[in-house]
Every structure is written in structure tokens, then in C-alpha cells.
Amino acid sequence: GSAGYAGALQQWCVRQGWEAPAVVARSAVQWMIATAVVVGIAIVVLLVTVEAGPPGPDLIMVPSTAFGRPLTGTGIGVGFVALLVMMIVAMLRLRKASQLIRHGLRAQRQTEFVAV
């Protein structure tokens, strides 16, 4: 949903002629797509490399399995942190685009409505 919103925002900025926010919004879309691709690759790697089975008795956390495979080891933690960082960067880029749009709108001349 966020990638769709950022894409629509980018297209709107292009139609308005606002190049700077359009570039930043496009960057946000690219970060979100990269995050989705990494998640997809992680799922494939999990399905291919990890044997299906219940989590070991030493695992007390509830979300310790995915697709019937146990999630253990430091690689899982590092992967989650990497995905979190990627998504934070994407959201910060989206925030920057919206700030640029707000500053652009504030810089426009105010219109006065006169009653006739």
C-alpha cells in the first residue's frame, strides 16, 4: 500500500512539474520494492535451506516458525534488522517527499477570493 501511495505521489509531482519531490518519492518506491524483493528472497532461502519440523524445545518464543520451518540463529535476527532498516529508509524518503511538497505549496502565492 505504501509503495502504491508513493508511486501515485511521484506521478502527481511529475504532472505538477515538481521535480525534486518526484525524485525523492521515486527513491521511496525503489526502497520499498527492494525491501519486498529481499523478503521474497528470504522466504525462498528459508524454504530451500531449512528442514521442515517443529521448533526445538529451547525455543520459547511463539513466532519461532515460518512455513513450518524453525527460525533460529543469528542470521534470522540480522535479516529482520536489515529489513527494518530498509523500510525505515523508505518511510523517511516518503516523509522527505511530502515535506518538499508542503514547502512548495507554502511558497506559492496566496489567492485572494473577492466577493462580487
Protein backbone atom coordinates (compact mmCIF):
# COMPACT_ATOMS: atom_id res chain seq x y z
CA GLY A 1 0.00 0.00 0.00
CA SER A 2 2.76 2.43 0.88
CA ALA A 3 4.59 1.73 -2.37
CA GLY A 4 1.39 2.40 -4.30
CA TYR A 5 0.87 5.67 -2.45
CA ALA A 6 4.48 6.74 -3.03
CA GLY A 7 4.16 5.86 -6.73
CA ALA A 8 0.96 7.91 -7.05
CA LEU A 9 2.62 10.78 -5.22
CA GLN A 10 5.59 10.61 -7.58
CA GLN A 11 3.35 10.68 -10.66
CA TRP A 12 1.35 13.60 -9.26
CA CYS A 13 4.58 15.53 -8.63
CA VAL A 14 5.70 14.90 -12.21
CA ARG A 15 2.35 16.19 -13.54
CA GLN A 16 2.67 19.30 -11.35
CA GLY A 17 6.21 19.92 -12.59
CA TRP A 18 7.81 19.41 -9.17
CA GLU A 19 10.97 17.51 -9.97
CA ALA A 20 12.62 17.40 -6.52
CA PRO A 21 9.72 15.73 -4.65
CA ALA A 22 9.16 13.38 -7.60
CA VAL A 23 12.76 12.14 -7.42
CA VAL A 24 12.55 11.62 -3.65
CA ALA A 25 9.19 9.81 -3.93
CA ARG A 26 10.66 7.58 -6.65
CA SER A 27 13.52 6.79 -4.30
CA ALA A 28 10.99 5.77 -1.63
CA VAL A 29 9.27 3.46 -4.12
CA GLN A 30 12.62 1.89 -5.01
CA TRP A 31 13.45 1.27 -1.35
CA MET A 32 10.04 -0.33 -0.76
CA ILE A 33 10.42 -2.56 -3.81
CA ALA A 34 13.91 -3.54 -2.67
CA THR A 35 12.50 -4.46 0.75
CA ALA A 36 9.81 -6.63 -0.86
CA VAL A 37 12.41 -8.35 -3.05
CA VAL A 38 14.61 -9.09 -0.04
CA VAL A 39 11.61 -10.55 1.81
CA GLY A 40 10.84 -12.75 -1.20
CA ILE A 41 14.44 -13.95 -1.42
CA ALA A 42 14.48 -14.64 2.32
CA ILE A 43 11.33 -16.76 2.04
CA VAL A 44 12.81 -18.77 -0.83
CA VAL A 45 16.08 -19.28 1.07
CA LEU A 46 14.13 -20.36 4.15
CA LEU A 47 12.06 -22.85 2.17
CA VAL A 48 15.11 -24.30 0.38
CA THR A 49 17.69 -24.44 3.16
CA VAL A 50 15.77 -25.15 6.38
CA GLU A 51 14.27 -28.56 7.15
CA ALA A 52 10.58 -28.56 8.00
CA GLY A 53 9.80 -29.53 11.55
CA PRO A 54 8.77 -28.19 14.92
CA PRO A 55 10.96 -25.70 16.77
CA GLY A 56 13.36 -27.14 19.30
CA PRO A 57 12.45 -27.34 22.98
CA ASP A 58 14.82 -24.48 23.77
CA LEU A 59 12.74 -22.05 21.70
CA ILE A 60 10.13 -20.45 23.90
CA MET A 61 9.10 -17.61 21.59
CA VAL A 62 5.73 -18.08 19.91
CA PRO A 63 6.70 -16.77 16.42
CA SER A 64 9.58 -19.20 16.05
CA THR A 65 8.35 -20.93 12.90
CA ALA A 66 7.53 -19.79 9.38
CA PHE A 67 6.08 -22.05 6.70
CA GLY A 68 6.55 -24.96 9.10
CA ARG A 69 10.27 -24.29 9.44
CA PRO A 70 12.01 -23.16 12.64
CA LEU A 71 13.50 -19.70 12.71
CA THR A 72 16.74 -19.95 14.66
CA GLY A 73 20.19 -18.46 14.56
CA THR A 74 21.67 -15.02 14.30
CA GLY A 75 21.01 -14.85 10.55
CA ILE A 76 17.29 -14.51 11.20
CA GLY A 77 17.86 -11.63 13.62
CA VAL A 78 20.25 -9.88 11.26
CA GLY A 79 17.77 -10.32 8.41
CA PHE A 80 14.94 -8.80 10.41
CA VAL A 81 17.12 -5.84 11.39
CA ALA A 82 18.18 -5.33 7.76
CA LEU A 83 14.54 -5.35 6.60
CA LEU A 84 13.61 -2.95 9.38
CA VAL A 85 16.37 -0.54 8.36
CA MET A 86 15.37 -0.75 4.69
CA MET A 87 11.74 0.02 5.48
CA ILE A 88 12.71 2.90 7.78
CA VAL A 89 14.81 4.41 4.98
CA ALA A 90 11.84 4.05 2.60
CA MET A 91 9.49 5.77 5.03
CA LEU A 92 11.99 8.57 5.66
CA ARG A 93 12.29 9.14 1.91
CA LEU A 94 8.49 9.29 1.64
CA ARG A 95 8.42 11.79 4.51
CA LYS A 96 11.04 13.91 2.77
CA ALA A 97 8.97 13.94 -0.43
CA SER A 98 5.88 15.11 1.44
CA GLN A 99 7.92 17.81 3.20
CA LEU A 100 9.19 19.07 -0.16
CA ILE A 101 5.61 19.19 -1.43
CA ARG A 102 4.44 21.14 1.64
CA HIS A 103 7.29 23.63 1.26
CA GLY A 104 6.43 24.02 -2.42
CA LEU A 105 2.80 24.67 -1.60
CA ARG A 106 3.72 27.24 1.05
CA ALA A 107 5.95 29.04 -1.43
CA GLN A 108 3.09 29.51 -3.88
CA ARG A 109 1.36 32.85 -3.93
CA GLN A 110 -1.82 33.01 -1.91
CA THR A 111 -5.02 33.53 -3.87
CA GLU A 112 -7.49 36.09 -2.65
CA PHE A 113 -11.20 35.47 -3.08
CA VAL A 114 -13.22 38.61 -3.58
CA ALA A 115 -16.97 38.59 -3.14
CA VAL A 116 -18.78 40.12 -6.11
